Amino acid sequence: MPENMLAAVYRGQSRIGAEVVATPRPGPGEVVIRVETCGVCHTDLKKIEYNLLAPPRIYGHETAGVIAATGEGVSRYRAGDRVVVFHHIPCGRCFYCERRLYAQCPTYKRVGVTAGFEPAGGGFAQYVRVMNWIVERGIEKIPDGVSFDQASWVEPVNTCLKAVRMLGLRDSDVVAVLGQGPIGLVFTMLVKRQARRIMATDAIPQRCRLSAELGAEAFDPSTGEIEERIRKLTDGRGADAVILATNVKGLVEQALRISRPGAKILLFAQTSATERIELSGADICVGERTLLGSYSADVDLQAESARLVFGGELPLERMISHRLPLQGIGEAIDIALHPDERSLKVVIRPQESR
């Protein structure tokens, strides 16, 4: 490994740029991964855009690469192994782990992958250091023939799979997925494997077209067509479940309008502490609806999400619209924050250069 490497360093005030930093070295029980692909996730975008964490940080957590070095005591992995890594892993023993609420586990909240500075994922760098508790349970090997771009989807697919499992869908269910960005499209793919009909919305026509190719009936949310269509399809009842894959204002209220009594409404993108939602208590209480929240990954679904991605069952790689080097991190963030007809999933390839 080189003495120094390139990394996209967040410096505060929404500023991030490529810098030369020291290459991490593995300690006992640790490994260092040479990052080949790291997806740009909206949780990182929010942290950068709204300055949610103190700088300096190196973000990025949808990470796929090759093990470059192993620390003392590591026997399961060796240099040259192609892997994906999860940056959070729970302790498995605490109050929350006993209840499978892994994202609330104090150990889970500790980030275990870093490219330097305060651990923040580190995937927007040429190399990352993976700490010992992550090495033990948070790495999955990539089979031959699977690209790093495809493999980088394992962590986001896990988060969506966890959320879908919470809904307990039936084959006969009608499900609405609001938002058809990269995560919303993953939800559409996963729900299609279980539910009878999927209705989806997005303001970008190309995303609606792609959603339709994946098996959904997709509509522009401003037309109100989804509400009319769901009512007609369900004899006036409404959707059995609604997934909010974007945090556009007014979406939770719309989810109530298009859902039937007893429906489940899942909040997935509502991660900002400043977001406020005002609802009628009767819509929940008298309507016997359930509001659910789902956040981050589930270690119990780690192997399954890897199999789904590696097996090619989900057409994920075709959703990558932009592949940029670390020097293009500013452009990558701007594209992801301001999507258009052409943009979808953006990934960083740290080993490439302009």
Protein backbone atom coordinates (compact mmCIF):
# COMPACT_ATOMS: atom_id res chain seq x y z
CA MET A 1 0.00 0.00 0.00
CA PRO A 2 1.19 3.54 -0.65
CA GLU A 3 2.17 5.82 2.23
CA ASN A 4 -0.50 8.35 1.20
CA MET A 5 -3.78 8.15 -0.65
CA LEU A 6 -6.56 10.31 -2.09
CA ALA A 7 -9.76 10.84 -0.12
CA ALA A 8 -12.80 13.12 -0.29
CA VAL A 9 -12.60 15.07 2.96
CA TYR A 10 -15.58 16.97 4.36
CA ARG A 11 -14.35 20.24 5.88
CA GLY A 12 -17.60 21.79 7.11
CA GLN A 13 -19.91 24.43 5.64
CA SER A 14 -21.02 21.84 3.05
CA ARG A 15 -17.47 21.79 1.62
CA ILE A 16 -15.94 18.51 0.45
CA GLY A 17 -13.01 17.89 -1.87
CA ALA A 18 -10.27 15.45 -2.77
CA GLU A 19 -7.18 15.64 -0.54
CA VAL A 20 -4.03 13.62 0.08
CA VAL A 21 -4.15 11.89 3.47
CA ALA A 22 -2.23 9.08 5.16
CA THR A 23 -3.16 5.55 4.06
CA PRO A 24 -4.62 3.62 7.03
CA ARG A 25 -2.82 0.57 8.40
CA PRO A 26 -4.56 -2.42 10.04
CA GLY A 27 -4.28 -3.08 13.76
CA PRO A 28 -4.76 -6.49 15.41
CA GLY A 29 -7.91 -8.17 14.13
CA GLU A 30 -8.40 -5.50 11.45
CA VAL A 31 -8.15 -5.35 7.66
CA VAL A 32 -7.56 -2.59 5.13
CA ILE A 33 -9.66 -2.60 1.96
CA ARG A 34 -8.70 -0.98 -1.33
CA VAL A 35 -11.97 0.67 -2.32
CA GLU A 36 -13.08 0.03 -5.90
CA THR A 37 -16.68 1.36 -5.74
CA CYS A 38 -18.64 3.30 -3.15
CA GLY A 39 -22.22 4.38 -3.74
CA VAL A 40 -23.41 7.88 -2.86
CA CYS A 41 -26.16 7.56 -0.24
CA HIS A 42 -28.65 10.23 0.77
CA THR A 43 -27.80 9.85 4.46
CA ASP A 44 -24.28 11.04 3.66
CA LEU A 45 -25.67 13.78 1.42
CA LYS A 46 -27.77 15.11 4.29
CA LYS A 47 -24.77 15.14 6.62
CA ILE A 48 -22.78 17.14 4.09
CA GLU A 49 -25.53 19.49 2.91
CA TYR A 50 -26.83 20.32 6.40
CA ASN A 51 -23.50 20.03 8.27
CA LEU A 52 -24.91 17.51 10.73
CA LEU A 53 -21.56 16.24 12.06
CA ALA A 54 -18.38 18.08 12.99
CA PRO A 55 -15.57 18.07 10.38
CA PRO A 56 -13.20 16.72 9.26
CA ARG A 57 -14.84 13.47 8.07
CA ILE A 58 -14.49 11.01 5.23
CA TYR A 59 -17.94 9.72 4.36
CA GLY A 60 -19.15 6.86 2.17
CA HIS A 61 -20.44 3.49 3.35
CA GLU A 62 -21.76 1.51 0.35
CA THR A 63 -18.31 0.05 -0.07
CA ALA A 64 -16.93 -2.72 -2.29
CA GLY A 65 -13.27 -3.48 -2.84
CA VAL A 66 -10.30 -5.78 -2.34
CA ILE A 67 -8.55 -6.61 0.92
CA ALA A 68 -5.11 -5.01 0.68
CA ALA A 69 -3.70 -5.94 4.10
CA THR A 70 -4.66 -7.91 7.20
CA GLY A 71 -3.72 -7.33 10.82
CA GLU A 72 -2.41 -9.79 13.36
CA GLY A 73 -4.88 -12.56 14.18
CA VAL A 74 -7.02 -12.28 11.04
CA SER A 75 -7.43 -15.73 9.51
CA ARG A 76 -10.80 -15.60 7.72
CA TYR A 77 -9.64 -13.13 5.08
CA ARG A 78 -6.47 -12.59 3.12
CA ALA A 79 -5.06 -10.02 0.76
CA GLY A 80 -6.77 -10.23 -2.62
CA ASP A 81 -10.22 -11.21 -1.34
CA ARG A 82 -12.99 -9.25 -3.06
CA VAL A 83 -15.45 -8.02 -0.40
CA VAL A 84 -18.23 -5.70 0.63
CA VAL A 85 -18.24 -4.25 4.14
CA PHE A 86 -20.96 -3.02 6.50
CA HIS A 87 -19.94 -0.04 8.64
CA HIS A 88 -22.29 -0.89 11.53
CA ILE A 89 -22.58 -4.23 13.37
CA PRO A 90 -24.51 -4.71 16.66
CA CYS A 91 -23.19 -6.39 19.80
CA GLY A 92 -25.89 -9.10 19.74
CA ARG A 93 -26.28 -9.12 23.54
CA CYS A 94 -27.92 -5.89 24.70
CA PHE A 95 -31.57 -4.98 25.40
CA TYR A 96 -32.14 -3.79 21.82
CA CYS A 97 -30.34 -6.69 20.16
CA GLU A 98 -32.52 -9.16 22.07
CA ARG A 99 -35.50 -7.45 20.40
CA ARG A 100 -33.82 -7.31 16.95
CA LEU A 101 -33.75 -3.49 17.12
CA TYR A 102 -30.14 -3.56 16.00
CA ALA A 103 -29.96 0.06 14.83
CA GLN A 104 -30.65 1.15 18.43
CA CYS A 105 -27.77 -0.93 19.87
CA PRO A 106 -25.00 1.30 21.34
CA THR A 107 -22.34 -0.81 19.62
CA TYR A 108 -24.20 -0.56 16.31
CA LYS A 109 -24.17 3.22 16.58
CA ARG A 110 -20.34 3.13 16.61
CA VAL A 111 -18.97 3.37 13.07
CA GLY A 112 -16.39 0.64 12.54
CA VAL A 113 -14.93 1.62 9.16
CA THR A 114 -12.68 4.64 8.65
CA ALA A 115 -10.31 6.22 6.16
CA GLY A 116 -9.04 8.64 8.81
CA PHE A 117 -10.31 11.29 11.21
CA GLU A 118 -13.50 10.47 13.16
CA PRO A 119 -14.89 7.17 11.75
CA ALA A 120 -17.62 8.01 9.22
CA GLY A 121 -17.64 5.13 6.74
CA GLY A 122 -14.61 6.16 4.73
CA GLY A 123 -15.70 4.73 1.38
CA PHE A 124 -14.95 8.00 -0.43
CA ALA A 125 -11.25 7.14 -0.21
CA GLN A 126 -8.80 4.82 -1.89
CA TYR A 127 -8.36 2.68 1.25
CA VAL A 128 -10.40 2.09 4.42
CA ARG A 129 -9.55 0.44 7.73
CA VAL A 130 -12.12 -2.05 9.02
CA MET A 131 -12.15 -2.46 12.80
CA ASN A 132 -12.12 -5.83 14.53
CA TRP A 133 -15.81 -6.20 15.43
CA ILE A 134 -16.77 -5.41 11.85
CA VAL A 135 -14.21 -7.90 10.52
CA GLU A 136 -15.80 -10.58 12.68
CA ARG A 137 -19.34 -10.21 11.35
CA GLY A 138 -19.62 -7.36 8.84
CA ILE A 139 -17.83 -8.53 5.70
CA GLU A 140 -19.24 -10.56 2.80
CA LYS A 141 -17.05 -12.01 0.03
CA ILE A 142 -17.92 -11.10 -3.55
CA PRO A 143 -18.16 -14.11 -5.89
CA ASP A 144 -16.18 -14.23 -9.13
CA GLY A 145 -18.03 -12.60 -11.99
CA VAL A 146 -19.81 -9.99 -9.87
CA SER A 147 -18.68 -6.41 -10.52
CA PHE A 148 -17.75 -4.04 -7.72
CA ASP A 149 -20.47 -1.67 -8.94
CA GLN A 150 -23.08 -4.41 -8.51
CA ALA A 151 -21.64 -5.49 -5.16
CA SER A 152 -21.81 -1.96 -3.73
CA TRP A 153 -25.61 -2.38 -3.57
CA VAL A 154 -25.51 -5.00 -0.78
CA GLU A 155 -25.84 -2.53 2.11
CA PRO A 156 -28.68 -0.41 0.63
CA VAL A 157 -30.57 -3.55 -0.46
CA ASN A 158 -30.27 -4.83 3.11
CA THR A 159 -31.88 -1.66 4.49
CA CYS A 160 -34.80 -1.98 2.06
CA LEU A 161 -35.23 -5.70 2.67
CA LYS A 162 -35.41 -5.04 6.40
CA ALA A 163 -38.16 -2.47 5.85
CA VAL A 164 -40.19 -4.72 3.54
CA ARG A 165 -40.02 -7.57 6.06
CA MET A 166 -41.51 -5.25 8.69
CA LEU A 167 -44.63 -4.84 6.53
CA GLY A 168 -45.48 -8.55 6.52
CA LEU A 169 -46.93 -8.37 3.01
CA ARG A 170 -49.40 -10.87 1.59
CA ASP A 171 -49.57 -12.06 -2.01
CA SER A 172 -52.89 -10.29 -2.46
CA ASP A 173 -51.70 -6.90 -1.19
CA VAL A 174 -51.74 -3.65 -3.13
CA VAL A 175 -48.69 -1.59 -2.18
CA ALA A 176 -47.82 2.04 -2.94
CA VAL A 177 -44.18 3.13 -3.11
CA LEU A 178 -43.86 6.91 -3.01
CA GLY A 179 -40.61 8.01 -4.66
CA GLN A 180 -38.75 6.12 -7.39
CA GLY A 181 -35.19 7.24 -6.89
CA PRO A 182 -32.55 4.53 -6.41
CA ILE A 183 -33.97 3.42 -3.05
CA GLY A 184 -37.59 3.62 -4.20
CA LEU A 185 -36.75 1.45 -7.20
CA VAL A 186 -35.10 -1.12 -4.93
CA PHE A 187 -38.32 -1.16 -2.89
CA THR A 188 -40.28 -1.71 -6.09
CA MET A 189 -38.04 -4.66 -7.00
CA LEU A 190 -38.38 -6.26 -3.57
CA VAL A 191 -42.12 -5.66 -3.19
CA LYS A 192 -42.73 -7.08 -6.67
CA ARG A 193 -41.51 -10.43 -5.36
CA GLN A 194 -44.35 -10.51 -2.79
CA ALA A 195 -47.33 -8.27 -3.50
CA ARG A 196 -50.06 -8.49 -6.15
CA ARG A 197 -49.91 -4.90 -7.43
CA ILE A 198 -47.52 -2.00 -6.96
CA MET A 199 -48.42 1.64 -7.47
CA ALA A 200 -45.53 4.11 -7.54
CA THR A 201 -45.01 7.84 -7.86
CA ASP A 202 -42.17 10.08 -8.95
CA ALA A 203 -42.00 13.56 -10.46
CA ILE A 204 -39.30 12.53 -12.97
CA PRO A 205 -40.86 10.78 -16.02
CA GLN A 206 -37.81 8.62 -16.74
CA ARG A 207 -37.97 7.16 -13.24
CA CYS A 208 -41.64 6.36 -13.74
CA ARG A 209 -40.78 4.59 -16.99
CA LEU A 210 -38.10 2.51 -15.29
CA SER A 211 -40.49 1.73 -12.44
CA ALA A 212 -43.03 0.46 -14.98
CA GLU A 213 -40.36 -1.77 -16.53
CA LEU A 214 -39.86 -3.28 -13.06
CA GLY A 215 -43.54 -4.12 -12.74
CA ALA A 216 -45.14 -1.10 -11.08
CA GLU A 217 -47.89 1.20 -12.31
CA ALA A 218 -46.14 4.54 -11.99
CA PHE A 219 -47.61 8.04 -11.91
CA ASP A 220 -46.62 11.67 -11.50
CA PRO A 221 -47.60 12.50 -7.89
CA SER A 222 -49.01 15.91 -8.82
CA THR A 223 -51.82 14.44 -10.94
CA GLY A 224 -53.56 12.60 -8.11
CA GLU A 225 -53.93 9.67 -10.50
CA ILE A 226 -52.47 7.21 -8.02
CA GLU A 227 -55.24 7.95 -5.52
CA GLU A 228 -57.96 7.37 -8.09
CA ARG A 229 -56.30 4.23 -9.44
CA ILE A 230 -55.78 2.66 -6.01
CA ARG A 231 -59.39 3.31 -5.03
CA LYS A 232 -60.66 1.72 -8.22
CA LEU A 233 -58.38 -1.30 -7.85
CA THR A 234 -59.36 -1.94 -4.22
CA ASP A 235 -63.11 -1.34 -4.36
CA GLY A 236 -62.61 2.01 -2.67
CA ARG A 237 -60.61 0.66 0.30
CA GLY A 238 -57.12 2.01 -0.38
CA ALA A 239 -53.64 0.50 -0.39
CA ASP A 240 -52.75 -2.26 2.07
CA ALA A 241 -49.31 -0.74 2.64
CA VAL A 242 -47.50 2.48 1.71
CA ILE A 243 -43.72 2.95 1.65
CA LEU A 244 -42.28 6.47 1.81
CA ALA A 245 -38.99 6.29 -0.08
CA THR A 246 -38.56 10.05 -0.24
CA ASN A 247 -39.10 12.87 2.25
CA VAL A 248 -41.04 15.31 0.09
CA LYS A 249 -43.28 17.51 2.23
CA GLY A 250 -46.88 16.33 2.47
CA LEU A 251 -46.10 12.72 1.60
CA VAL A 252 -47.18 11.22 4.92
CA GLU A 253 -50.51 12.96 4.59
CA GLN A 254 -50.89 11.53 1.09
CA ALA A 255 -50.02 8.07 2.40
CA LEU A 256 -52.96 8.34 4.79
CA ARG A 257 -55.31 9.39 2.00
CA ILE A 258 -54.42 6.46 -0.27
CA SER A 259 -54.30 3.77 2.42
CA ARG A 260 -57.16 1.66 3.74
CA PRO A 261 -58.17 1.31 7.40
CA GLY A 262 -55.76 -1.09 9.05
CA ALA A 263 -52.99 -0.33 6.55
CA LYS A 264 -49.29 -0.09 7.38
CA ILE A 265 -47.41 3.08 6.47
CA LEU A 266 -43.64 2.81 6.52
CA LEU A 267 -41.43 5.87 6.92
CA PHE A 268 -38.00 5.22 5.43
CA ALA A 269 -36.62 8.56 4.26
CA GLN A 270 -37.78 10.73 7.16
CA THR A 271 -34.38 10.82 8.91
CA SER A 272 -33.99 14.51 9.75
CA ALA A 273 -34.68 15.61 13.31
CA THR A 274 -36.10 18.87 11.96
CA GLU A 275 -38.92 17.23 9.97
CA ARG A 276 -42.38 17.66 11.46
CA ILE A 277 -45.57 15.82 10.51
CA GLU A 278 -49.07 16.87 11.61
CA LEU A 279 -51.74 14.18 11.28
CA SER A 280 -55.26 13.54 12.41
CA GLY A 281 -55.18 11.24 15.41
CA ALA A 282 -58.40 9.65 14.22
CA ASP A 283 -56.78 8.59 10.94
CA ILE A 284 -54.43 6.45 13.00
CA CYS A 285 -56.57 5.49 15.98
CA VAL A 286 -60.05 5.11 14.52
CA GLY A 287 -58.63 3.97 11.17
CA GLU A 288 -56.44 1.41 12.99
CA ARG A 289 -53.47 2.24 10.79
CA THR A 290 -49.91 1.47 11.83
CA LEU A 291 -47.07 3.94 11.35
CA LEU A 292 -43.70 2.19 11.14
CA GLY A 293 -40.16 3.49 11.03
CA SER A 294 -37.23 1.58 9.56
CA TYR A 295 -33.64 2.72 9.66
CA SER A 296 -30.33 1.21 8.57
CA ALA A 297 -29.40 -2.44 8.05
CA ASP A 298 -30.23 -5.75 9.75
CA VAL A 299 -27.32 -8.09 10.47
CA ASP A 300 -29.68 -11.07 10.31
CA LEU A 301 -30.41 -10.22 6.65
CA GLN A 302 -26.80 -9.57 5.69
CA ALA A 303 -26.17 -12.90 3.95
CA GLU A 304 -29.59 -12.85 2.26
CA SER A 305 -29.11 -9.35 0.89
CA ALA A 306 -25.70 -10.40 -0.43
CA ARG A 307 -27.23 -13.40 -2.18
CA LEU A 308 -29.92 -11.24 -3.77
CA VAL A 309 -27.33 -8.81 -5.13
CA PHE A 310 -24.69 -11.32 -6.15
CA GLY A 311 -27.22 -13.65 -7.76
CA GLY A 312 -28.31 -10.97 -10.21
CA GLU A 313 -32.00 -11.37 -9.35
CA LEU A 314 -32.31 -7.60 -9.02
CA PRO A 315 -31.24 -5.47 -12.04
CA LEU A 316 -29.24 -3.08 -9.91
CA GLU A 317 -26.25 -2.19 -12.03
CA ARG A 318 -28.46 -0.73 -14.76
CA MET A 319 -29.61 1.89 -12.25
CA ILE A 320 -26.13 3.40 -11.99
CA SER A 321 -26.21 6.54 -14.10
CA HIS A 322 -22.90 8.16 -13.10
CA ARG A 323 -19.47 6.72 -12.25
CA LEU A 324 -17.00 9.35 -11.06
CA PRO A 325 -13.48 9.42 -9.55
CA LEU A 326 -12.71 11.00 -6.18
CA GLN A 327 -11.76 14.25 -7.90
CA GLY A 328 -15.39 14.43 -9.04
CA ILE A 329 -16.90 14.18 -5.55
CA GLY A 330 -18.39 17.68 -5.75
CA GLU A 331 -20.05 16.89 -9.06
CA ALA A 332 -21.28 13.54 -7.69
CA ILE A 333 -22.96 15.20 -4.72
CA ASP A 334 -24.52 17.91 -6.87
CA ILE A 335 -25.96 15.29 -9.26
CA ALA A 336 -27.36 13.24 -6.38
CA LEU A 337 -28.86 16.29 -4.66
CA HIS A 338 -30.43 17.69 -7.86
CA PRO A 339 -31.64 14.71 -9.91
CA ASP A 340 -32.85 15.12 -13.47
CA GLU A 341 -34.09 12.90 -16.29
CA ARG A 342 -30.64 11.43 -16.81
CA SER A 343 -29.48 10.87 -13.24
CA LEU A 344 -30.18 7.99 -10.90
CA LYS A 345 -27.58 6.20 -8.77
CA VAL A 346 -24.17 7.85 -8.50
CA VAL A 347 -21.07 5.89 -7.51
CA ILE A 348 -17.50 6.90 -6.75
CA ARG A 349 -14.62 4.82 -8.13
CA PRO A 350 -11.62 5.86 -5.97
CA GLN A 351 -8.98 4.00 -7.98
CA GLU A 352 -9.82 5.90 -11.17
CA SER A 353 -8.69 9.39 -12.08
CA ARG A 354 -9.84 12.05 -14.51
